[in-house]
N, C-alpha and C. Protein backbone atom coordinates (compact mmCIF):
# COMPACT_ATOMS: atom_id res chain seq x y z
N MET A 1 0.84 -1.18 0.00
CA MET A 1 0.00 0.00 0.00
C MET A 1 0.88 1.24 0.00
N SER A 2 0.58 2.19 -0.85
CA SER A 2 1.40 3.39 -0.90
C SER A 2 0.56 4.59 -0.45
N PHE A 3 1.26 5.60 0.00
CA PHE A 3 0.59 6.82 0.39
C PHE A 3 1.56 7.97 0.21
N ALA A 4 1.02 9.14 0.02
CA ALA A 4 1.84 10.34 -0.12
C ALA A 4 1.69 11.18 1.14
N LEU A 5 2.79 11.67 1.64
CA LEU A 5 2.75 12.55 2.80
C LEU A 5 2.60 13.97 2.30
N GLN A 6 1.56 14.63 2.77
CA GLN A 6 1.27 15.98 2.33
C GLN A 6 2.44 16.91 2.65
N GLY A 7 2.85 17.67 1.65
CA GLY A 7 3.93 18.63 1.83
C GLY A 7 5.32 18.05 1.65
N ARG A 8 5.44 16.76 1.44
CA ARG A 8 6.75 16.14 1.24
C ARG A 8 7.13 16.21 -0.24
N TYR A 9 8.40 16.42 -0.48
CA TYR A 9 8.92 16.44 -1.84
C TYR A 9 8.97 15.02 -2.38
N GLY A 10 8.60 14.86 -3.61
CA GLY A 10 8.71 13.57 -4.28
C GLY A 10 9.31 13.78 -5.65
N ALA A 11 10.21 12.92 -6.02
CA ALA A 11 10.86 13.03 -7.33
C ALA A 11 10.61 11.76 -8.12
N VAL A 12 10.49 11.92 -9.43
CA VAL A 12 10.45 10.79 -10.34
C VAL A 12 11.86 10.20 -10.38
N VAL A 13 11.98 8.89 -10.32
CA VAL A 13 13.29 8.23 -10.40
C VAL A 13 13.45 7.68 -11.81
N ASP A 14 14.46 8.19 -12.52
CA ASP A 14 14.78 7.75 -13.87
C ASP A 14 15.96 6.79 -13.81
N ILE A 15 15.90 5.76 -14.62
CA ILE A 15 16.98 4.78 -14.73
C ILE A 15 17.58 4.92 -16.13
N HIS A 16 18.90 5.13 -16.22
CA HIS A 16 19.57 5.31 -17.51
C HIS A 16 20.68 4.27 -17.67
N LEU A 17 20.83 3.78 -18.89
CA LEU A 17 21.89 2.83 -19.19
C LEU A 17 23.00 3.51 -19.96
N LEU A 18 24.20 3.41 -19.44
CA LEU A 18 25.39 3.86 -20.15
C LEU A 18 26.03 2.59 -20.72
N LEU A 19 25.61 2.21 -21.93
CA LEU A 19 26.16 1.03 -22.59
C LEU A 19 27.36 1.47 -23.40
N ILE A 20 28.54 1.02 -23.00
CA ILE A 20 29.78 1.51 -23.57
C ILE A 20 30.61 0.32 -24.08
N GLN A 21 31.10 0.45 -25.31
CA GLN A 21 31.98 -0.53 -25.92
C GLN A 21 33.01 0.18 -26.78
N GLU A 22 34.29 -0.11 -26.54
CA GLU A 22 35.37 0.41 -27.37
C GLU A 22 35.27 1.92 -27.60
N GLY A 23 35.03 2.67 -26.54
CA GLY A 23 34.98 4.13 -26.63
C GLY A 23 33.73 4.68 -27.27
N ARG A 24 32.71 3.84 -27.44
CA ARG A 24 31.45 4.29 -28.04
C ARG A 24 30.32 4.03 -27.06
N ILE A 25 29.26 4.85 -27.18
CA ILE A 25 28.10 4.74 -26.30
C ILE A 25 26.84 4.61 -27.15
N LEU A 26 25.90 3.80 -26.69
CA LEU A 26 24.66 3.58 -27.42
C LEU A 26 23.62 4.64 -27.07
N LEU A 27 23.05 5.26 -28.11
CA LEU A 27 21.98 6.24 -27.96
C LEU A 27 20.85 5.89 -28.90
N GLY A 28 19.64 6.24 -28.50
CA GLY A 28 18.48 6.04 -29.34
C GLY A 28 17.88 7.37 -29.74
N GLN A 29 17.35 7.44 -30.96
CA GLN A 29 16.69 8.67 -31.42
C GLN A 29 15.20 8.58 -31.10
N ARG A 30 14.73 9.47 -30.25
CA ARG A 30 13.36 9.45 -29.74
C ARG A 30 12.34 9.83 -30.81
N GLN A 31 11.16 9.22 -30.71
CA GLN A 31 10.03 9.60 -31.56
C GLN A 31 8.73 9.23 -30.86
N ASN A 32 7.70 10.02 -31.11
CA ASN A 32 6.34 9.76 -30.60
C ASN A 32 6.26 9.66 -29.08
N THR A 33 7.11 10.39 -28.36
CA THR A 33 7.09 10.32 -26.90
C THR A 33 6.54 11.59 -26.27
N GLY A 34 6.59 12.71 -27.02
CA GLY A 34 6.15 13.98 -26.47
C GLY A 34 7.25 14.71 -25.72
N PHE A 35 8.43 14.10 -25.62
CA PHE A 35 9.57 14.76 -24.98
C PHE A 35 10.81 14.53 -25.83
N GLY A 36 11.35 15.59 -26.38
CA GLY A 36 12.61 15.52 -27.11
C GLY A 36 12.57 14.67 -28.36
N ASP A 37 11.42 14.55 -28.98
CA ASP A 37 11.33 13.74 -30.19
C ASP A 37 12.31 14.26 -31.24
N GLY A 38 13.01 13.34 -31.89
CA GLY A 38 14.04 13.69 -32.88
C GLY A 38 15.43 13.78 -32.27
N SER A 39 15.51 13.87 -30.94
CA SER A 39 16.80 13.98 -30.25
C SER A 39 17.28 12.61 -29.80
N PHE A 40 18.59 12.50 -29.64
CA PHE A 40 19.18 11.27 -29.13
C PHE A 40 19.22 11.29 -27.61
N HIS A 41 19.06 10.11 -27.04
CA HIS A 41 19.02 9.95 -25.59
C HIS A 41 19.55 8.57 -25.24
N LEU A 42 19.95 8.43 -24.01
CA LEU A 42 20.35 7.13 -23.50
C LEU A 42 19.14 6.21 -23.37
N PRO A 43 19.33 4.91 -23.48
CA PRO A 43 18.23 4.01 -23.12
C PRO A 43 17.85 4.28 -21.67
N ALA A 44 16.56 4.46 -21.41
CA ALA A 44 16.15 4.89 -20.08
C ALA A 44 14.70 4.52 -19.82
N GLY A 45 14.33 4.59 -18.56
CA GLY A 45 12.96 4.34 -18.15
C GLY A 45 12.75 4.86 -16.75
N HIS A 46 11.63 4.49 -16.16
CA HIS A 46 11.28 4.96 -14.82
C HIS A 46 11.16 3.80 -13.86
N LEU A 47 11.48 4.07 -12.62
CA LEU A 47 11.28 3.11 -11.55
C LEU A 47 9.78 2.93 -11.35
N GLU A 48 9.33 1.68 -11.29
CA GLU A 48 7.91 1.41 -11.08
C GLU A 48 7.65 1.05 -9.62
N GLN A 49 6.41 1.21 -9.20
CA GLN A 49 5.99 0.91 -7.84
C GLN A 49 6.44 -0.50 -7.42
N GLY A 50 7.09 -0.63 -6.27
CA GLY A 50 7.48 -1.91 -5.73
C GLY A 50 8.70 -2.54 -6.39
N GLU A 51 9.43 -1.78 -7.20
CA GLU A 51 10.55 -2.31 -7.97
C GLU A 51 11.86 -1.75 -7.43
N THR A 52 12.90 -2.58 -7.38
CA THR A 52 14.21 -2.06 -7.00
C THR A 52 14.85 -1.37 -8.20
N ILE A 53 15.84 -0.52 -7.95
CA ILE A 53 16.50 0.16 -9.05
C ILE A 53 17.22 -0.83 -9.96
N ILE A 54 17.78 -1.89 -9.40
CA ILE A 54 18.46 -2.89 -10.22
C ILE A 54 17.44 -3.63 -11.09
N ASN A 55 16.32 -4.04 -10.51
CA ASN A 55 15.29 -4.71 -11.31
C ASN A 55 14.76 -3.81 -12.40
N ALA A 56 14.64 -2.52 -12.13
CA ALA A 56 14.19 -1.57 -13.15
C ALA A 56 15.18 -1.53 -14.31
N LEU A 57 16.45 -1.50 -14.00
CA LEU A 57 17.49 -1.47 -15.04
C LEU A 57 17.44 -2.75 -15.88
N LEU A 58 17.32 -3.90 -15.22
CA LEU A 58 17.27 -5.17 -15.94
C LEU A 58 16.01 -5.24 -16.81
N ARG A 59 14.87 -4.77 -16.29
CA ARG A 59 13.62 -4.76 -17.04
C ARG A 59 13.71 -3.85 -18.25
N GLU A 60 14.19 -2.63 -18.05
CA GLU A 60 14.29 -1.67 -19.15
C GLU A 60 15.23 -2.16 -20.24
N SER A 61 16.34 -2.78 -19.87
CA SER A 61 17.29 -3.26 -20.88
C SER A 61 16.67 -4.35 -21.74
N LEU A 62 15.85 -5.20 -21.14
CA LEU A 62 15.17 -6.24 -21.90
C LEU A 62 14.04 -5.66 -22.73
N GLU A 63 13.22 -4.77 -22.14
CA GLU A 63 12.09 -4.18 -22.86
C GLU A 63 12.51 -3.31 -24.03
N GLU A 64 13.56 -2.50 -23.84
CA GLU A 64 13.95 -1.54 -24.88
C GLU A 64 14.97 -2.08 -25.86
N LEU A 65 15.86 -2.97 -25.38
CA LEU A 65 16.99 -3.38 -26.21
C LEU A 65 17.07 -4.88 -26.47
N GLY A 66 16.25 -5.66 -25.77
CA GLY A 66 16.27 -7.10 -25.96
C GLY A 66 17.49 -7.80 -25.41
N ILE A 67 18.19 -7.16 -24.47
CA ILE A 67 19.39 -7.76 -23.89
C ILE A 67 19.17 -8.11 -22.43
N THR A 68 19.96 -9.06 -21.96
CA THR A 68 19.92 -9.47 -20.57
C THR A 68 21.21 -9.00 -19.90
N ILE A 69 21.04 -8.36 -18.77
CA ILE A 69 22.19 -7.88 -17.99
C ILE A 69 22.15 -8.60 -16.65
N ARG A 70 23.29 -9.10 -16.23
CA ARG A 70 23.37 -9.74 -14.91
C ARG A 70 23.58 -8.66 -13.85
N PRO A 71 22.94 -8.79 -12.69
CA PRO A 71 23.09 -7.77 -11.64
C PRO A 71 24.53 -7.47 -11.28
N GLU A 72 25.42 -8.45 -11.34
CA GLU A 72 26.83 -8.21 -10.99
C GLU A 72 27.56 -7.38 -12.05
N ASP A 73 26.95 -7.17 -13.22
CA ASP A 73 27.55 -6.35 -14.27
C ASP A 73 27.03 -4.92 -14.27
N VAL A 74 26.21 -4.57 -13.27
CA VAL A 74 25.62 -3.25 -13.14
C VAL A 74 26.47 -2.42 -12.17
N HIS A 75 26.87 -1.23 -12.60
CA HIS A 75 27.69 -0.35 -11.76
C HIS A 75 27.08 1.04 -11.75
N LEU A 76 26.68 1.52 -10.56
CA LEU A 76 26.15 2.88 -10.47
C LEU A 76 27.27 3.85 -10.79
N ALA A 77 27.04 4.67 -11.81
CA ALA A 77 28.08 5.58 -12.29
C ALA A 77 27.84 7.03 -11.88
N LEU A 78 26.56 7.44 -11.80
CA LEU A 78 26.26 8.85 -11.54
C LEU A 78 24.85 8.98 -11.01
N VAL A 79 24.68 9.89 -10.06
CA VAL A 79 23.37 10.30 -9.59
C VAL A 79 23.21 11.76 -10.02
N LEU A 80 22.15 12.04 -10.78
CA LEU A 80 21.90 13.39 -11.28
C LEU A 80 20.55 13.87 -10.74
N HIS A 81 20.60 14.93 -9.94
CA HIS A 81 19.36 15.53 -9.42
C HIS A 81 19.06 16.73 -10.29
N GLN A 82 18.01 16.62 -11.07
CA GLN A 82 17.68 17.73 -11.96
C GLN A 82 16.36 18.39 -11.57
N LYS A 83 16.33 19.66 -11.84
CA LYS A 83 15.11 20.43 -11.56
C LYS A 83 14.22 20.34 -12.79
N SER A 84 13.00 20.01 -12.57
CA SER A 84 11.98 20.02 -13.60
C SER A 84 10.66 20.29 -12.88
N ASN A 85 9.58 20.25 -13.58
CA ASN A 85 8.29 20.55 -12.95
C ASN A 85 8.04 19.69 -11.72
N GLU A 86 8.28 18.39 -11.83
CA GLU A 86 8.01 17.50 -10.70
C GLU A 86 9.28 17.07 -9.97
N GLY A 87 10.45 17.42 -10.47
CA GLY A 87 11.71 17.00 -9.87
C GLY A 87 12.05 15.59 -10.33
N ARG A 88 13.31 15.38 -10.62
CA ARG A 88 13.75 14.08 -11.13
C ARG A 88 15.09 13.71 -10.50
N LEU A 89 15.21 12.45 -10.20
CA LEU A 89 16.46 11.89 -9.71
C LEU A 89 16.87 10.83 -10.72
N GLY A 90 17.94 11.10 -11.44
CA GLY A 90 18.41 10.18 -12.48
C GLY A 90 19.55 9.33 -11.97
N LEU A 91 19.40 8.03 -12.13
CA LEU A 91 20.46 7.08 -11.78
C LEU A 91 21.03 6.53 -13.07
N PHE A 92 22.32 6.72 -13.25
CA PHE A 92 23.01 6.32 -14.48
C PHE A 92 23.91 5.13 -14.17
N PHE A 93 23.67 4.03 -14.86
CA PHE A 93 24.40 2.80 -14.62
C PHE A 93 25.29 2.48 -15.81
N ALA A 94 26.58 2.26 -15.55
CA ALA A 94 27.52 1.84 -16.58
C ALA A 94 27.44 0.32 -16.69
N VAL A 95 27.24 -0.14 -17.91
CA VAL A 95 27.14 -1.57 -18.17
C VAL A 95 28.05 -1.85 -19.37
N ARG A 96 29.02 -2.74 -19.17
CA ARG A 96 29.95 -3.06 -20.24
C ARG A 96 29.78 -4.47 -20.77
N ARG A 97 29.00 -5.29 -20.07
CA ARG A 97 28.75 -6.67 -20.52
C ARG A 97 27.26 -6.98 -20.45
N TRP A 98 26.78 -7.67 -21.46
CA TRP A 98 25.39 -8.10 -21.51
C TRP A 98 25.30 -9.32 -22.41
N GLU A 99 24.16 -9.95 -22.38
CA GLU A 99 23.92 -11.12 -23.22
C GLU A 99 22.84 -10.79 -24.24
N GLY A 100 23.05 -11.26 -25.46
CA GLY A 100 22.09 -11.03 -26.53
C GLY A 100 22.53 -9.91 -27.45
N ALA A 101 21.91 -9.88 -28.61
CA ALA A 101 22.19 -8.83 -29.59
C ALA A 101 21.26 -7.65 -29.33
N ILE A 102 21.82 -6.46 -29.33
CA ILE A 102 21.01 -5.25 -29.11
C ILE A 102 20.07 -5.05 -30.30
N GLN A 103 18.79 -4.85 -29.97
CA GLN A 103 17.75 -4.62 -30.97
C GLN A 103 16.87 -3.47 -30.51
N ASN A 104 16.28 -2.78 -31.44
CA ASN A 104 15.31 -1.73 -31.11
C ASN A 104 13.97 -2.41 -30.87
N MET A 105 13.65 -2.64 -29.60
CA MET A 105 12.43 -3.35 -29.23
C MET A 105 11.21 -2.43 -29.14
N GLU A 106 11.44 -1.11 -29.20
CA GLU A 106 10.34 -0.14 -29.12
C GLU A 106 10.40 0.82 -30.31
N PRO A 107 10.23 0.30 -31.54
CA PRO A 107 10.34 1.18 -32.71
C PRO A 107 9.29 2.28 -32.76
N ASN A 108 8.22 2.14 -31.98
CA ASN A 108 7.22 3.21 -31.92
C ASN A 108 7.72 4.41 -31.10
N LYS A 109 8.71 4.20 -30.22
CA LYS A 109 9.26 5.28 -29.39
C LYS A 109 10.69 5.65 -29.78
N CYS A 110 11.36 4.74 -30.48
CA CYS A 110 12.77 4.94 -30.84
C CYS A 110 12.94 4.72 -32.34
N GLN A 111 13.30 5.80 -33.04
CA GLN A 111 13.46 5.71 -34.50
C GLN A 111 14.62 4.80 -34.87
N LYS A 112 15.75 4.93 -34.13
CA LYS A 112 16.92 4.10 -34.42
C LYS A 112 17.87 4.12 -33.23
N LEU A 113 18.72 3.10 -33.16
CA LEU A 113 19.79 3.01 -32.18
C LEU A 113 21.10 3.21 -32.91
N VAL A 114 21.99 4.02 -32.32
CA VAL A 114 23.26 4.34 -32.97
C VAL A 114 24.36 4.34 -31.91
N TRP A 115 25.51 3.76 -32.26
CA TRP A 115 26.71 3.84 -31.41
C TRP A 115 27.46 5.11 -31.79
N PHE A 116 27.73 5.96 -30.81
CA PHE A 116 28.47 7.20 -31.03
C PHE A 116 29.79 7.17 -30.28
N ASP A 117 30.80 7.73 -30.89
CA ASP A 117 32.08 7.90 -30.22
C ASP A 117 31.86 8.84 -29.03
N LEU A 118 32.41 8.50 -27.88
CA LEU A 118 32.23 9.34 -26.68
C LEU A 118 32.76 10.75 -26.88
N ASP A 119 33.70 10.93 -27.80
CA ASP A 119 34.25 12.25 -28.07
C ASP A 119 33.50 12.99 -29.18
N ASN A 120 32.47 12.37 -29.73
CA ASN A 120 31.74 12.98 -30.83
C ASN A 120 30.25 12.67 -30.72
N LEU A 121 29.64 13.17 -29.66
CA LEU A 121 28.21 12.95 -29.44
C LEU A 121 27.40 13.80 -30.43
N PRO A 122 26.18 13.37 -30.76
CA PRO A 122 25.39 14.13 -31.74
C PRO A 122 24.95 15.49 -31.20
N GLU A 123 24.78 16.44 -32.10
CA GLU A 123 24.30 17.77 -31.72
C GLU A 123 22.89 17.71 -31.17
N ASN A 124 22.04 16.92 -31.81
CA ASN A 124 20.62 16.83 -31.41
C ASN A 124 20.48 15.75 -30.33
N MET A 125 20.87 16.14 -29.13
CA MET A 125 20.86 15.23 -27.99
C MET A 125 20.14 15.89 -26.82
N ILE A 126 19.43 15.10 -26.02
CA ILE A 126 18.78 15.62 -24.83
C ILE A 126 19.86 16.26 -23.95
N PRO A 127 19.73 17.55 -23.60
CA PRO A 127 20.81 18.26 -22.90
C PRO A 127 21.25 17.62 -21.58
N TYR A 128 20.32 17.17 -20.73
CA TYR A 128 20.76 16.61 -19.46
C TYR A 128 21.49 15.29 -19.65
N ALA A 129 21.18 14.55 -20.71
CA ALA A 129 21.89 13.30 -20.98
C ALA A 129 23.33 13.59 -21.40
N ARG A 130 23.51 14.62 -22.23
CA ARG A 130 24.87 15.02 -22.63
C ARG A 130 25.67 15.43 -21.38
N TYR A 131 25.04 16.23 -20.53
CA TYR A 131 25.69 16.68 -19.30
C TYR A 131 26.07 15.48 -18.41
N ALA A 132 25.16 14.52 -18.29
CA ALA A 132 25.43 13.34 -17.47
C ALA A 132 26.61 12.54 -18.02
N ILE A 133 26.68 12.38 -19.32
CA ILE A 133 27.82 11.67 -19.93
C ILE A 133 29.11 12.42 -19.65
N GLN A 134 29.08 13.74 -19.77
CA GLN A 134 30.28 14.54 -19.47
C GLN A 134 30.71 14.34 -18.01
N GLN A 135 29.75 14.39 -17.10
CA GLN A 135 30.07 14.20 -15.68
C GLN A 135 30.61 12.80 -15.42
N TYR A 136 30.02 11.79 -16.03
CA TYR A 136 30.50 10.41 -15.90
C TYR A 136 31.94 10.31 -16.37
N ARG A 137 32.26 10.94 -17.49
CA ARG A 137 33.60 10.84 -18.05
C ARG A 137 34.65 11.53 -17.19
N THR A 138 34.25 12.52 -16.38
CA THR A 138 35.21 13.19 -15.49
C THR A 138 35.37 12.44 -14.16
N GLY A 139 34.53 11.43 -13.95
CA GLY A 139 34.60 10.67 -12.70
C GLY A 139 33.66 11.17 -11.63
N SER A 140 32.86 12.17 -11.93
CA SER A 140 31.89 12.67 -10.95
C SER A 140 30.87 11.58 -10.66
N MET A 141 30.44 11.51 -9.42
CA MET A 141 29.42 10.53 -9.04
C MET A 141 28.10 11.19 -8.70
N LEU A 142 28.13 12.50 -8.48
CA LEU A 142 26.94 13.24 -8.09
C LEU A 142 26.93 14.56 -8.83
N ALA A 143 25.79 14.89 -9.45
CA ALA A 143 25.70 16.13 -10.21
C ALA A 143 24.32 16.74 -10.07
N LEU A 144 24.27 18.05 -10.26
CA LEU A 144 23.02 18.80 -10.26
C LEU A 144 22.80 19.33 -11.67
N TYR A 145 21.54 19.41 -12.08
CA TYR A 145 21.24 19.96 -13.40
C TYR A 145 20.02 20.87 -13.29
N GLY A 146 20.23 22.13 -13.60
CA GLY A 146 19.12 23.07 -13.66
C GLY A 146 18.75 23.77 -12.37
N TRP A 147 19.43 23.49 -11.28
CA TRP A 147 19.06 24.20 -10.07
C TRP A 147 20.08 25.07 -9.42
N ALA A 148 21.29 24.65 -9.34
CA ALA A 148 22.27 25.29 -8.46
C ALA A 148 23.09 26.36 -9.18
N SER A 149 23.53 27.32 -8.37
CA SER A 149 24.49 28.29 -8.88
C SER A 149 25.86 27.61 -8.90
N ASN A 150 26.80 28.25 -9.54
CA ASN A 150 28.16 27.69 -9.58
C ASN A 150 28.70 27.49 -8.18
N CYS A 151 28.39 28.44 -7.28
CA CYS A 151 28.88 28.35 -5.90
C CYS A 151 28.34 27.10 -5.22
N GLU A 152 27.05 26.84 -5.35
CA GLU A 152 26.47 25.65 -4.73
C GLU A 152 27.04 24.38 -5.32
N GLN A 153 27.23 24.36 -6.64
CA GLN A 153 27.79 23.19 -7.28
C GLN A 153 29.23 22.97 -6.84
N SER A 154 29.97 24.07 -6.67
CA SER A 154 31.34 23.97 -6.21
C SER A 154 31.39 23.37 -4.80
N LYS A 155 30.48 23.80 -3.93
CA LYS A 155 30.42 23.25 -2.58
C LYS A 155 30.10 21.76 -2.63
N LEU A 156 29.16 21.39 -3.48
CA LEU A 156 28.80 19.98 -3.62
C LEU A 156 30.01 19.19 -4.11
N ASN A 157 30.70 19.74 -5.08
CA ASN A 157 31.88 19.08 -5.62
C ASN A 157 32.92 18.84 -4.54
N ASN A 158 33.13 19.83 -3.69
CA ASN A 158 34.15 19.71 -2.65
C ASN A 158 33.80 18.67 -1.59
N MET A 159 32.53 18.32 -1.47
CA MET A 159 32.14 17.26 -0.55
C MET A 159 32.72 15.93 -0.99
N PHE A 160 32.87 15.74 -2.30
CA PHE A 160 33.32 14.46 -2.84
C PHE A 160 34.76 14.48 -3.30
N TYR A 161 35.23 15.62 -3.78
CA TYR A 161 36.58 15.72 -4.33
C TYR A 161 37.28 16.97 -3.80
N PRO A 162 37.51 17.05 -2.49
CA PRO A 162 38.08 18.27 -1.93
C PRO A 162 39.45 18.61 -2.54
N GLY A 163 39.57 19.85 -2.98
CA GLY A 163 40.83 20.36 -3.49
C GLY A 163 41.20 19.89 -4.88
N ASP A 164 40.37 19.13 -5.54
CA ASP A 164 40.68 18.62 -6.87
C ASP A 164 39.81 19.33 -7.89
N GLU A 165 40.37 20.31 -8.57
CA GLU A 165 39.60 21.13 -9.51
C GLU A 165 39.21 20.37 -10.77
N SER A 166 39.80 19.20 -11.03
CA SER A 166 39.47 18.47 -12.25
C SER A 166 38.05 17.94 -12.21
N TYR A 167 37.42 17.93 -11.04
CA TYR A 167 36.06 17.42 -10.93
C TYR A 167 35.02 18.54 -10.78
N ALA A 168 35.37 19.75 -11.15
CA ALA A 168 34.46 20.88 -10.92
C ALA A 168 33.17 20.70 -11.72
N PHE A 169 32.06 21.01 -11.07
CA PHE A 169 30.77 20.98 -11.73
C PHE A 169 30.63 22.20 -12.60
N SER A 170 30.02 22.05 -13.75
CA SER A 170 29.76 23.20 -14.60
C SER A 170 28.29 23.60 -14.44
N GLN A 171 28.01 24.85 -14.76
CA GLN A 171 26.64 25.32 -14.68
C GLN A 171 25.83 24.69 -15.79
N ALA A 172 24.73 24.03 -15.46
CA ALA A 172 23.91 23.37 -16.48
C ALA A 172 22.75 24.24 -16.87
């Protein structure tokens, strides 16, 4: 049984797959979704009621890509708290091994799947996904998108990487 506590903040939990092979990352071109259609995005979905984040990742990878991922091959790479109308908490998982051939299992929502070089991402990409990939590549584990000033992001950065400017958060 679920219930909402009046006045409490609630965020949508997004699950994202960072599927990486030989310096390339898999992105899908969105269509018919009502959000960012025509833009490239990571394979992603939402946490469902009563589901663990790992089970959500395994479910989404099978539903969207037709692949099976073992729980021991799942590595949390980044937590992204972004400001939007309802608030979103994005969990980005790096996965380098899976079973099965990648297929576009949702052609009604995804026009095509494309492997892109990590150094040459497409121009027409969902902005927060591009930002998340950049943060992942710098080794950041926690990032803010759309809410904080540079000062707040700098303070957040120093909580995890004190004195190391190579991990500085950029204004999103």
